[in-house]
Amino acid sequence: MSIESTLSASPDPDQDLLLKEDLPLKQDLPLKQWIQEHPDFPQPGILFRCMMPMLRDPQGWQEMLRQMGRTCERLQPDLIVGIESRGFLVGTALATALALPFAPVRKRGKLPGEVHGIDYTLEYGSDRLEIHVDGFEHQPSVLVVDDLLATGGTAAAAGELVTQAGGRLCGFAFVIELADLNGRQKLPAGVPVDSLVVYS
């Protein structure tokens, strides 16, 4: 079942069929109306774009999931991986709507049990991401999701983790992309990248 049908489903299957036959195809709503801009945050000179208004409005949140659901329909992932921390919000909602499993990518020391880990370089220093070793036994096709693609370092590291764990990386999906930071260039060549709102 697609997210389109999940979000529009009626408790009465016969009524649901009538509704789908009577209604025209749903047009995309512009998601920018649910993205708030905060100048000089978290430091002077930075314009922070925040999706919290989308979370507060069920219409906006459902619209985001519907649009990102089309990426899943095209790429057919077996598993959704979300990057700490807002990627958990997007990823778990998407996975639940599509009845897919979800796996979190977390910072160092936040996951119990056996994990795969990868160190990666930030603009100022370095960090480490980890993922559980279980859940990848049958080489699932994996979609990595997050709220934001900026410089691309964290997403690229998450993609490497998926491969290290035994998954097959089928794509990346983001709510917001800051295109002028060229984050796509750090992601694996040939892997699809979908962003719902792109700022250039």
N, C-alpha and C. Protein backbone atom coordinates (compact mmCIF):
# COMPACT_ATOMS: atom_id res chain seq x y z
N MET A 1 0.84 -1.20 0.00
CA MET A 1 0.00 0.00 0.00
C MET A 1 0.87 1.25 0.00
N SER A 2 0.54 2.24 -0.84
CA SER A 2 1.29 3.49 -0.89
C SER A 2 0.85 4.42 0.23
N ILE A 3 1.66 5.44 0.52
CA ILE A 3 1.27 6.43 1.52
C ILE A 3 0.03 7.18 1.06
N GLU A 4 -0.10 7.39 -0.25
CA GLU A 4 -1.27 8.07 -0.80
C GLU A 4 -2.54 7.37 -0.34
N SER A 5 -2.56 6.03 -0.48
CA SER A 5 -3.76 5.29 -0.09
C SER A 5 -3.88 5.17 1.41
N THR A 6 -2.76 5.10 2.13
CA THR A 6 -2.80 5.01 3.59
C THR A 6 -3.42 6.26 4.21
N LEU A 7 -3.00 7.43 3.74
CA LEU A 7 -3.48 8.68 4.32
C LEU A 7 -4.91 8.99 3.93
N SER A 8 -5.37 8.45 2.81
CA SER A 8 -6.73 8.76 2.36
C SER A 8 -7.71 7.63 2.65
N ALA A 9 -7.25 6.57 3.33
CA ALA A 9 -8.08 5.40 3.53
C ALA A 9 -9.29 5.71 4.41
N SER A 10 -10.41 5.14 4.06
CA SER A 10 -11.65 5.26 4.84
C SER A 10 -11.87 3.96 5.60
N PRO A 11 -12.52 4.00 6.78
CA PRO A 11 -12.82 2.76 7.50
C PRO A 11 -13.72 1.82 6.70
N ASP A 12 -14.53 2.36 5.80
CA ASP A 12 -15.42 1.55 4.98
C ASP A 12 -14.78 1.36 3.61
N PRO A 13 -14.34 0.12 3.25
CA PRO A 13 -13.67 -0.11 1.98
C PRO A 13 -14.50 0.32 0.78
N ASP A 14 -15.83 0.07 0.82
CA ASP A 14 -16.68 0.47 -0.30
C ASP A 14 -16.72 1.98 -0.45
N GLN A 15 -16.83 2.67 0.68
CA GLN A 15 -16.84 4.13 0.65
C GLN A 15 -15.50 4.66 0.18
N ASP A 16 -14.43 3.99 0.59
CA ASP A 16 -13.09 4.41 0.18
C ASP A 16 -12.95 4.32 -1.33
N LEU A 17 -13.50 3.25 -1.93
CA LEU A 17 -13.43 3.08 -3.37
C LEU A 17 -14.19 4.20 -4.07
N LEU A 18 -15.36 4.55 -3.53
CA LEU A 18 -16.14 5.63 -4.12
C LEU A 18 -15.39 6.96 -4.05
N LEU A 19 -14.76 7.21 -2.90
CA LEU A 19 -14.02 8.46 -2.73
C LEU A 19 -12.89 8.55 -3.75
N LYS A 20 -12.14 7.47 -3.93
CA LYS A 20 -11.01 7.50 -4.85
C LYS A 20 -11.47 7.68 -6.29
N GLU A 21 -12.65 7.13 -6.63
CA GLU A 21 -13.14 7.28 -8.00
C GLU A 21 -13.65 8.69 -8.25
N ASP A 22 -14.21 9.32 -7.22
CA ASP A 22 -14.83 10.63 -7.39
C ASP A 22 -13.82 11.77 -7.33
N LEU A 23 -12.73 11.58 -6.57
CA LEU A 23 -11.79 12.68 -6.36
C LEU A 23 -10.75 12.74 -7.46
N PRO A 24 -10.34 13.96 -7.88
CA PRO A 24 -9.24 14.07 -8.84
C PRO A 24 -7.93 13.76 -8.14
N LEU A 25 -6.87 13.57 -8.93
CA LEU A 25 -5.55 13.33 -8.35
C LEU A 25 -5.15 14.51 -7.48
N LYS A 26 -4.61 14.21 -6.32
CA LYS A 26 -4.26 15.26 -5.37
C LYS A 26 -3.05 16.03 -5.87
N GLN A 27 -3.15 17.35 -5.83
CA GLN A 27 -2.04 18.21 -6.23
C GLN A 27 -1.11 18.44 -5.05
N ASP A 28 0.17 18.51 -5.34
CA ASP A 28 1.15 18.78 -4.28
C ASP A 28 0.92 20.16 -3.68
N LEU A 29 0.99 20.23 -2.36
CA LEU A 29 0.97 21.52 -1.68
C LEU A 29 2.41 21.97 -1.47
N PRO A 30 2.70 23.27 -1.60
CA PRO A 30 4.08 23.76 -1.40
C PRO A 30 4.49 23.63 0.06
N LEU A 31 5.53 22.86 0.30
CA LEU A 31 5.95 22.60 1.68
C LEU A 31 6.66 23.79 2.32
N LYS A 32 7.10 24.75 1.53
CA LYS A 32 7.80 25.90 2.09
C LYS A 32 6.94 26.69 3.08
N GLN A 33 5.62 26.58 2.93
CA GLN A 33 4.74 27.32 3.85
C GLN A 33 4.85 26.79 5.27
N TRP A 34 5.40 25.59 5.45
CA TRP A 34 5.57 25.01 6.78
C TRP A 34 7.02 25.02 7.24
N ILE A 35 7.87 25.78 6.55
CA ILE A 35 9.28 25.87 6.94
C ILE A 35 9.56 27.29 7.42
N GLN A 36 10.06 27.39 8.63
CA GLN A 36 10.29 28.69 9.27
C GLN A 36 11.77 29.05 9.19
N GLU A 37 12.05 30.33 8.95
CA GLU A 37 13.44 30.79 8.84
C GLU A 37 13.83 31.58 10.08
N HIS A 38 15.01 31.26 10.61
CA HIS A 38 15.53 31.92 11.81
C HIS A 38 16.91 32.50 11.49
N PRO A 39 16.99 33.81 11.27
CA PRO A 39 18.30 34.43 10.97
C PRO A 39 19.23 34.36 12.18
N ASP A 40 20.52 34.26 11.88
CA ASP A 40 21.59 34.30 12.90
C ASP A 40 21.42 33.21 13.95
N PHE A 41 21.02 32.02 13.51
CA PHE A 41 20.93 30.87 14.42
C PHE A 41 21.55 29.66 13.73
N PRO A 42 22.39 28.89 14.39
CA PRO A 42 22.79 28.99 15.81
C PRO A 42 23.92 29.98 16.07
N GLN A 43 24.37 30.68 15.00
CA GLN A 43 25.39 31.71 15.19
C GLN A 43 25.21 32.78 14.13
N PRO A 44 25.78 33.95 14.33
CA PRO A 44 25.59 35.05 13.38
C PRO A 44 25.98 34.66 11.96
N GLY A 45 25.17 35.10 11.01
CA GLY A 45 25.44 34.84 9.61
C GLY A 45 24.79 33.60 9.05
N ILE A 46 24.19 32.78 9.90
CA ILE A 46 23.54 31.55 9.45
C ILE A 46 22.03 31.74 9.45
N LEU A 47 21.40 31.33 8.34
CA LEU A 47 19.94 31.35 8.25
C LEU A 47 19.45 29.92 8.45
N PHE A 48 18.84 29.67 9.60
CA PHE A 48 18.41 28.32 9.97
C PHE A 48 16.99 28.10 9.48
N ARG A 49 16.79 27.02 8.72
CA ARG A 49 15.47 26.68 8.21
C ARG A 49 14.94 25.49 8.98
N CYS A 50 13.76 25.66 9.59
CA CYS A 50 13.24 24.73 10.58
C CYS A 50 11.90 24.15 10.12
N MET A 51 11.76 22.82 10.25
CA MET A 51 10.52 22.17 9.84
C MET A 51 9.55 21.96 11.01
N MET A 52 9.81 22.56 12.17
CA MET A 52 8.92 22.36 13.30
C MET A 52 7.47 22.79 13.04
N PRO A 53 7.22 23.88 12.27
CA PRO A 53 5.82 24.20 11.95
C PRO A 53 5.10 23.07 11.22
N MET A 54 5.84 22.30 10.43
CA MET A 54 5.26 21.16 9.73
C MET A 54 4.80 20.09 10.72
N LEU A 55 5.58 19.89 11.76
CA LEU A 55 5.21 18.92 12.80
C LEU A 55 3.96 19.35 13.56
N ARG A 56 3.77 20.66 13.69
CA ARG A 56 2.62 21.16 14.45
C ARG A 56 1.32 21.14 13.65
N ASP A 57 1.44 20.96 12.34
CA ASP A 57 0.26 21.00 11.48
C ASP A 57 0.08 19.63 10.81
N PRO A 58 -0.92 18.86 11.20
CA PRO A 58 -1.10 17.53 10.61
C PRO A 58 -1.20 17.56 9.08
N GLN A 59 -1.79 18.61 8.54
CA GLN A 59 -1.90 18.69 7.08
C GLN A 59 -0.51 18.78 6.45
N GLY A 60 0.34 19.62 7.02
CA GLY A 60 1.69 19.76 6.50
C GLY A 60 2.50 18.49 6.63
N TRP A 61 2.38 17.84 7.80
CA TRP A 61 3.14 16.61 8.04
C TRP A 61 2.69 15.49 7.10
N GLN A 62 1.38 15.36 6.91
CA GLN A 62 0.87 14.34 6.01
C GLN A 62 1.26 14.63 4.57
N GLU A 63 1.28 15.90 4.20
CA GLU A 63 1.68 16.26 2.84
C GLU A 63 3.15 15.91 2.60
N MET A 64 4.00 16.18 3.58
CA MET A 64 5.41 15.81 3.46
C MET A 64 5.55 14.30 3.27
N LEU A 65 4.83 13.52 4.10
CA LEU A 65 4.93 12.07 4.00
C LEU A 65 4.39 11.57 2.66
N ARG A 66 3.33 12.19 2.18
CA ARG A 66 2.77 11.79 0.88
C ARG A 66 3.78 12.00 -0.23
N GLN A 67 4.43 13.17 -0.22
CA GLN A 67 5.42 13.46 -1.26
C GLN A 67 6.65 12.56 -1.14
N MET A 68 7.12 12.33 0.08
CA MET A 68 8.28 11.45 0.25
C MET A 68 7.91 10.00 -0.04
N GLY A 69 6.64 9.67 0.15
CA GLY A 69 6.18 8.33 -0.17
C GLY A 69 6.36 7.98 -1.64
N ARG A 70 6.30 8.98 -2.51
CA ARG A 70 6.51 8.73 -3.93
C ARG A 70 7.94 8.27 -4.20
N THR A 71 8.88 8.80 -3.42
CA THR A 71 10.27 8.33 -3.54
C THR A 71 10.34 6.85 -3.21
N CYS A 72 9.64 6.44 -2.15
CA CYS A 72 9.64 5.04 -1.75
C CYS A 72 8.97 4.16 -2.80
N GLU A 73 7.90 4.66 -3.41
CA GLU A 73 7.23 3.89 -4.46
C GLU A 73 8.18 3.65 -5.64
N ARG A 74 9.02 4.63 -5.94
CA ARG A 74 9.94 4.51 -7.06
C ARG A 74 11.14 3.62 -6.73
N LEU A 75 11.68 3.77 -5.51
CA LEU A 75 12.92 3.07 -5.15
C LEU A 75 12.69 1.72 -4.47
N GLN A 76 11.49 1.51 -3.93
CA GLN A 76 11.12 0.24 -3.32
C GLN A 76 12.09 -0.24 -2.24
N PRO A 77 12.32 0.55 -1.18
CA PRO A 77 13.21 0.09 -0.11
C PRO A 77 12.56 -1.01 0.72
N ASP A 78 13.43 -1.85 1.31
CA ASP A 78 12.98 -2.85 2.28
C ASP A 78 13.10 -2.33 3.71
N LEU A 79 13.90 -1.28 3.89
CA LEU A 79 14.22 -0.77 5.22
C LEU A 79 14.47 0.73 5.14
N ILE A 80 13.95 1.47 6.12
CA ILE A 80 14.20 2.90 6.23
C ILE A 80 15.22 3.14 7.33
N VAL A 81 16.26 3.91 7.04
CA VAL A 81 17.26 4.29 8.03
C VAL A 81 17.17 5.79 8.25
N GLY A 82 17.05 6.21 9.51
CA GLY A 82 16.96 7.63 9.85
C GLY A 82 18.18 8.09 10.62
N ILE A 83 18.64 9.30 10.33
CA ILE A 83 19.84 9.86 10.95
C ILE A 83 19.44 10.71 12.15
N GLU A 84 20.17 10.54 13.25
CA GLU A 84 19.92 11.31 14.47
C GLU A 84 19.99 12.81 14.18
N SER A 85 19.05 13.62 14.67
CA SER A 85 17.90 13.13 15.42
C SER A 85 16.58 13.39 14.68
N ARG A 86 16.50 14.46 13.89
CA ARG A 86 15.23 14.73 13.21
C ARG A 86 14.94 13.71 12.13
N GLY A 87 15.96 13.01 11.68
CA GLY A 87 15.73 11.91 10.75
C GLY A 87 14.92 10.79 11.37
N PHE A 88 14.93 10.70 12.71
CA PHE A 88 14.08 9.72 13.38
C PHE A 88 12.61 10.07 13.20
N LEU A 89 12.29 11.36 13.28
CA LEU A 89 10.90 11.79 13.14
C LEU A 89 10.37 11.47 11.74
N VAL A 90 11.17 11.84 10.74
CA VAL A 90 10.75 11.60 9.36
C VAL A 90 10.75 10.11 9.06
N GLY A 91 11.82 9.44 9.47
CA GLY A 91 11.99 8.03 9.11
C GLY A 91 10.98 7.10 9.74
N THR A 92 10.70 7.29 11.03
CA THR A 92 9.74 6.39 11.68
C THR A 92 8.32 6.61 11.15
N ALA A 93 7.97 7.86 10.88
CA ALA A 93 6.65 8.14 10.31
C ALA A 93 6.50 7.51 8.93
N LEU A 94 7.54 7.65 8.12
CA LEU A 94 7.52 7.09 6.77
C LEU A 94 7.46 5.56 6.82
N ALA A 95 8.30 4.96 7.67
CA ALA A 95 8.32 3.51 7.78
C ALA A 95 6.99 2.97 8.28
N THR A 96 6.39 3.64 9.27
CA THR A 96 5.11 3.19 9.80
C THR A 96 4.02 3.27 8.74
N ALA A 97 3.99 4.36 7.98
CA ALA A 97 2.96 4.53 6.95
C ALA A 97 3.07 3.46 5.87
N LEU A 98 4.29 2.98 5.61
CA LEU A 98 4.51 2.00 4.55
C LEU A 98 4.68 0.57 5.09
N ALA A 99 4.53 0.41 6.42
CA ALA A 99 4.69 -0.91 7.05
C ALA A 99 6.07 -1.50 6.74
N LEU A 100 7.10 -0.63 6.87
CA LEU A 100 8.48 -1.06 6.68
C LEU A 100 9.24 -0.98 7.99
N PRO A 101 10.29 -1.78 8.15
CA PRO A 101 11.12 -1.65 9.35
C PRO A 101 11.94 -0.37 9.32
N PHE A 102 12.36 0.06 10.51
CA PHE A 102 13.15 1.28 10.66
C PHE A 102 14.40 0.98 11.49
N ALA A 103 15.52 1.57 11.11
CA ALA A 103 16.76 1.44 11.88
C ALA A 103 17.36 2.83 12.09
N PRO A 104 17.75 3.17 13.33
CA PRO A 104 18.35 4.48 13.60
C PRO A 104 19.87 4.48 13.45
N VAL A 105 20.38 5.57 12.91
CA VAL A 105 21.82 5.86 12.94
C VAL A 105 22.04 6.89 14.04
N ARG A 106 22.90 6.53 15.02
CA ARG A 106 23.06 7.39 16.19
C ARG A 106 24.52 7.79 16.39
N LYS A 107 24.71 8.80 17.24
CA LYS A 107 26.05 9.22 17.60
C LYS A 107 26.71 8.16 18.48
N ARG A 108 28.00 8.30 18.67
CA ARG A 108 28.80 7.34 19.42
C ARG A 108 28.22 7.05 20.81
N GLY A 109 28.13 5.76 21.14
CA GLY A 109 27.77 5.34 22.49
C GLY A 109 26.30 5.42 22.84
N LYS A 110 25.42 5.71 21.87
CA LYS A 110 23.99 5.85 22.17
C LYS A 110 23.20 4.56 21.93
N LEU A 111 23.79 3.59 21.22
CA LEU A 111 23.09 2.34 20.93
C LEU A 111 23.67 1.21 21.77
N PRO A 112 22.83 0.43 22.44
CA PRO A 112 23.33 -0.73 23.18
C PRO A 112 23.60 -1.89 22.23
N GLY A 113 24.36 -2.87 22.71
CA GLY A 113 24.61 -4.05 21.91
C GLY A 113 25.70 -3.83 20.87
N GLU A 114 25.79 -4.80 19.94
CA GLU A 114 26.84 -4.77 18.93
C GLU A 114 26.48 -3.80 17.81
N VAL A 115 27.43 -2.97 17.43
CA VAL A 115 27.18 -1.96 16.41
C VAL A 115 28.30 -1.91 15.39
N HIS A 116 27.98 -1.41 14.22
CA HIS A 116 28.98 -0.95 13.26
C HIS A 116 29.17 0.54 13.50
N GLY A 117 30.40 1.03 13.30
CA GLY A 117 30.66 2.45 13.50
C GLY A 117 31.54 3.01 12.40
N ILE A 118 31.43 4.32 12.20
CA ILE A 118 32.26 4.99 11.22
C ILE A 118 32.60 6.39 11.71
N ASP A 119 33.86 6.76 11.62
CA ASP A 119 34.30 8.12 11.95
C ASP A 119 34.24 8.96 10.68
N TYR A 120 33.81 10.20 10.83
CA TYR A 120 33.75 11.08 9.67
C TYR A 120 34.14 12.49 10.07
N THR A 121 34.54 13.26 9.07
CA THR A 121 35.07 14.61 9.30
C THR A 121 33.98 15.65 9.17
N LEU A 122 33.94 16.55 10.15
CA LEU A 122 33.05 17.70 10.11
C LEU A 122 33.85 18.93 9.70
N GLU A 123 33.14 20.04 9.52
CA GLU A 123 33.83 21.29 9.15
C GLU A 123 34.86 21.67 10.20
N TYR A 124 34.50 21.45 11.47
CA TYR A 124 35.42 21.75 12.56
C TYR A 124 35.53 20.52 13.45
N GLY A 125 36.40 19.58 13.11
CA GLY A 125 36.62 18.40 13.94
C GLY A 125 36.07 17.14 13.29
N SER A 126 35.71 16.17 14.11
CA SER A 126 35.22 14.89 13.61
C SER A 126 34.15 14.34 14.54
N ASP A 127 33.46 13.30 14.10
CA ASP A 127 32.42 12.67 14.90
C ASP A 127 32.33 11.21 14.49
N ARG A 128 31.45 10.46 15.14
CA ARG A 128 31.29 9.04 14.85
C ARG A 128 29.80 8.69 14.84
N LEU A 129 29.40 7.90 13.85
CA LEU A 129 28.05 7.39 13.75
C LEU A 129 28.06 5.88 13.93
N GLU A 130 26.96 5.34 14.48
CA GLU A 130 26.86 3.91 14.71
C GLU A 130 25.48 3.40 14.33
N ILE A 131 25.42 2.10 13.99
CA ILE A 131 24.15 1.45 13.66
C ILE A 131 24.22 0.01 14.17
N HIS A 132 23.09 -0.55 14.56
CA HIS A 132 23.07 -1.94 15.02
C HIS A 132 23.47 -2.90 13.89
N VAL A 133 24.13 -3.97 14.27
CA VAL A 133 24.57 -4.94 13.26
C VAL A 133 23.40 -5.80 12.77
N ASP A 134 22.37 -5.99 13.62
CA ASP A 134 21.26 -6.84 13.19
C ASP A 134 20.26 -6.05 12.35
N GLY A 135 19.48 -6.80 11.56
CA GLY A 135 18.51 -6.17 10.68
C GLY A 135 18.96 -6.10 9.23
N PHE A 136 20.21 -6.51 8.97
CA PHE A 136 20.75 -6.42 7.61
C PHE A 136 21.15 -7.79 7.07
N GLU A 137 20.62 -8.84 7.71
CA GLU A 137 21.08 -10.19 7.38
C GLU A 137 20.78 -10.59 5.93
N HIS A 138 19.72 -10.07 5.35
CA HIS A 138 19.32 -10.48 4.00
C HIS A 138 19.59 -9.38 2.97
N GLN A 139 20.58 -8.55 3.25
CA GLN A 139 20.99 -7.48 2.33
C GLN A 139 19.79 -6.65 1.85
N PRO A 140 19.08 -6.02 2.78
CA PRO A 140 17.90 -5.24 2.38
C PRO A 140 18.27 -4.02 1.55
N SER A 141 17.34 -3.61 0.73
CA SER A 141 17.47 -2.34 0.01
C SER A 141 17.10 -1.21 0.97
N VAL A 142 17.98 -0.23 1.14
CA VAL A 142 17.85 0.75 2.23
C VAL A 142 17.74 2.17 1.69
N LEU A 143 16.74 2.90 2.20
CA LEU A 143 16.61 4.33 1.95
C LEU A 143 17.02 5.09 3.20
N VAL A 144 18.00 5.99 3.08
CA VAL A 144 18.45 6.83 4.19
C VAL A 144 17.69 8.14 4.15
N VAL A 145 17.07 8.52 5.27
CA VAL A 145 16.28 9.75 5.30
C VAL A 145 16.76 10.67 6.42
N ASP A 146 16.60 11.97 6.19
CA ASP A 146 16.90 12.98 7.20
C ASP A 146 16.09 14.23 6.86
N ASP A 147 16.05 15.16 7.81
CA ASP A 147 15.30 16.39 7.55
C ASP A 147 16.04 17.33 6.62
N LEU A 148 17.38 17.29 6.64
CA LEU A 148 18.16 18.32 5.97
C LEU A 148 19.42 17.76 5.32
N LEU A 149 19.66 18.15 4.07
CA LEU A 149 20.93 17.91 3.41
C LEU A 149 21.65 19.25 3.30
N ALA A 150 22.74 19.37 4.05
CA ALA A 150 23.53 20.61 4.02
C ALA A 150 24.88 20.32 3.36
N THR A 151 25.93 20.12 4.13
CA THR A 151 27.25 19.84 3.54
C THR A 151 27.40 18.38 3.11
N GLY A 152 26.54 17.50 3.60
CA GLY A 152 26.52 16.12 3.11
C GLY A 152 27.38 15.13 3.86
N GLY A 153 28.21 15.61 4.79
CA GLY A 153 29.13 14.70 5.47
C GLY A 153 28.43 13.63 6.30
N THR A 154 27.42 14.03 7.05
CA THR A 154 26.71 13.08 7.91
C THR A 154 25.94 12.07 7.08
N ALA A 155 25.27 12.52 6.03
CA ALA A 155 24.51 11.61 5.17
C ALA A 155 25.44 10.63 4.47
N ALA A 156 26.58 11.12 4.00
CA ALA A 156 27.54 10.23 3.33
C ALA A 156 28.05 9.16 4.29
N ALA A 157 28.32 9.55 5.54
CA ALA A 157 28.77 8.58 6.54
C ALA A 157 27.68 7.55 6.83
N ALA A 158 26.43 8.00 6.91
CA ALA A 158 25.32 7.07 7.14
C ALA A 158 25.20 6.08 5.99
N GLY A 159 25.39 6.54 4.77
CA GLY A 159 25.36 5.65 3.62
C GLY A 159 26.46 4.61 3.68
N GLU A 160 27.66 5.02 4.09
CA GLU A 160 28.75 4.07 4.24
C GLU A 160 28.44 3.04 5.32
N LEU A 161 27.80 3.48 6.40
CA LEU A 161 27.41 2.57 7.48
C LEU A 161 26.44 1.50 6.97
N VAL A 162 25.49 1.91 6.18
CA VAL A 162 24.51 0.97 5.62
C VAL A 162 25.23 -0.11 4.82
N THR A 163 26.17 0.30 3.98
CA THR A 163 26.93 -0.66 3.18
C THR A 163 27.78 -1.56 4.06
N GLN A 164 28.40 -0.97 5.08
CA GLN A 164 29.22 -1.74 6.01
C GLN A 164 28.40 -2.79 6.75
N ALA A 165 27.14 -2.45 7.06
CA ALA A 165 26.28 -3.37 7.79
C ALA A 165 25.73 -4.48 6.91
N GLY A 166 25.84 -4.32 5.59
CA GLY A 166 25.36 -5.35 4.67
C GLY A 166 24.14 -4.96 3.87
N GLY A 167 23.69 -3.71 4.01
CA GLY A 167 22.55 -3.24 3.24
C GLY A 167 22.94 -2.78 1.85
N ARG A 168 21.95 -2.71 0.98
CA ARG A 168 22.14 -2.18 -0.38
C ARG A 168 21.49 -0.80 -0.43
N LEU A 169 22.30 0.22 -0.61
CA LEU A 169 21.83 1.60 -0.56
C LEU A 169 21.06 1.92 -1.83
N CYS A 170 19.73 2.16 -1.68
CA CYS A 170 18.92 2.44 -2.87
C CYS A 170 18.67 3.93 -3.06
N GLY A 171 18.94 4.75 -2.03
CA GLY A 171 18.74 6.18 -2.20
C GLY A 171 18.77 6.95 -0.90
N PHE A 172 18.72 8.29 -1.06
CA PHE A 172 18.64 9.22 0.06
C PHE A 172 17.40 10.09 -0.16
N ALA A 173 16.73 10.46 0.94
CA ALA A 173 15.58 11.35 0.84
C ALA A 173 15.64 12.38 1.96
N PHE A 174 15.43 13.63 1.62
CA PHE A 174 15.51 14.74 2.57
C PHE A 174 14.27 15.63 2.42
N VAL A 175 13.88 16.24 3.53
CA VAL A 175 12.80 17.22 3.46
C VAL A 175 13.34 18.51 2.85
N ILE A 176 14.50 18.97 3.31
CA ILE A 176 15.08 20.25 2.89
C ILE A 176 16.50 20.01 2.38
N GLU A 177 16.85 20.69 1.30
CA GLU A 177 18.24 20.68 0.81
C GLU A 177 18.73 22.10 0.63
N LEU A 178 19.92 22.38 1.14
CA LEU A 178 20.60 23.67 0.92
C LEU A 178 21.59 23.46 -0.22
N ALA A 179 21.13 23.70 -1.45
CA ALA A 179 21.90 23.30 -2.63
C ALA A 179 23.22 24.03 -2.76
N ASP A 180 23.29 25.26 -2.24
CA ASP A 180 24.53 26.02 -2.40
C ASP A 180 25.69 25.47 -1.57
N LEU A 181 25.39 24.53 -0.66
CA LEU A 181 26.45 23.89 0.13
C LEU A 181 26.99 22.63 -0.53
N ASN A 182 26.41 22.25 -1.67
CA ASN A 182 26.93 21.16 -2.50
C ASN A 182 27.03 19.82 -1.77
N GLY A 183 26.06 19.55 -0.89
CA GLY A 183 26.07 18.30 -0.16
C GLY A 183 25.94 17.07 -1.03
N ARG A 184 25.25 17.19 -2.16
CA ARG A 184 25.08 16.04 -3.06
C ARG A 184 26.41 15.49 -3.56
N GLN A 185 27.38 16.37 -3.69
CA GLN A 185 28.68 15.94 -4.22
C GLN A 185 29.39 14.96 -3.30
N LYS A 186 29.03 14.95 -2.02
CA LYS A 186 29.66 14.02 -1.08
C LYS A 186 28.96 12.67 -1.03
N LEU A 187 27.78 12.57 -1.62
CA LEU A 187 27.02 11.33 -1.58
C LEU A 187 27.49 10.40 -2.70
N PRO A 188 27.28 9.10 -2.54
CA PRO A 188 27.79 8.14 -3.52
C PRO A 188 27.25 8.40 -4.92
N ALA A 189 28.13 8.37 -5.91
CA ALA A 189 27.72 8.58 -7.30
C ALA A 189 26.77 7.47 -7.74
N GLY A 190 25.74 7.87 -8.46
CA GLY A 190 24.81 6.89 -9.00
C GLY A 190 23.68 6.50 -8.07
N VAL A 191 23.70 6.98 -6.82
CA VAL A 191 22.63 6.68 -5.87
C VAL A 191 21.62 7.83 -5.92
N PRO A 192 20.33 7.54 -6.12
CA PRO A 192 19.33 8.61 -6.22
C PRO A 192 19.25 9.46 -4.94
N VAL A 193 19.06 10.77 -5.13
CA VAL A 193 18.91 11.71 -4.02
C VAL A 193 17.66 12.54 -4.30
N ASP A 194 16.67 12.46 -3.39
CA ASP A 194 15.44 13.23 -3.53
C ASP A 194 15.32 14.22 -2.38
N SER A 195 15.05 15.48 -2.71
CA SER A 195 14.79 16.51 -1.69
C SER A 195 13.47 17.19 -2.04
N LEU A 196 12.61 17.34 -1.03
CA LEU A 196 11.28 17.89 -1.29
C LEU A 196 11.28 19.40 -1.45
N VAL A 197 12.15 20.09 -0.71
CA VAL A 197 12.27 21.55 -0.79
C VAL A 197 13.76 21.87 -0.98
N VAL A 198 14.08 22.57 -2.05
CA VAL A 198 15.47 22.89 -2.34
C VAL A 198 15.66 24.41 -2.31
N TYR A 199 16.60 24.86 -1.48
CA TYR A 199 16.99 26.26 -1.43
C TYR A 199 18.34 26.39 -2.12
N SER A 200 18.41 27.30 -3.10
CA SER A 200 19.67 27.49 -3.84
C SER A 200 20.29 28.84 -3.53
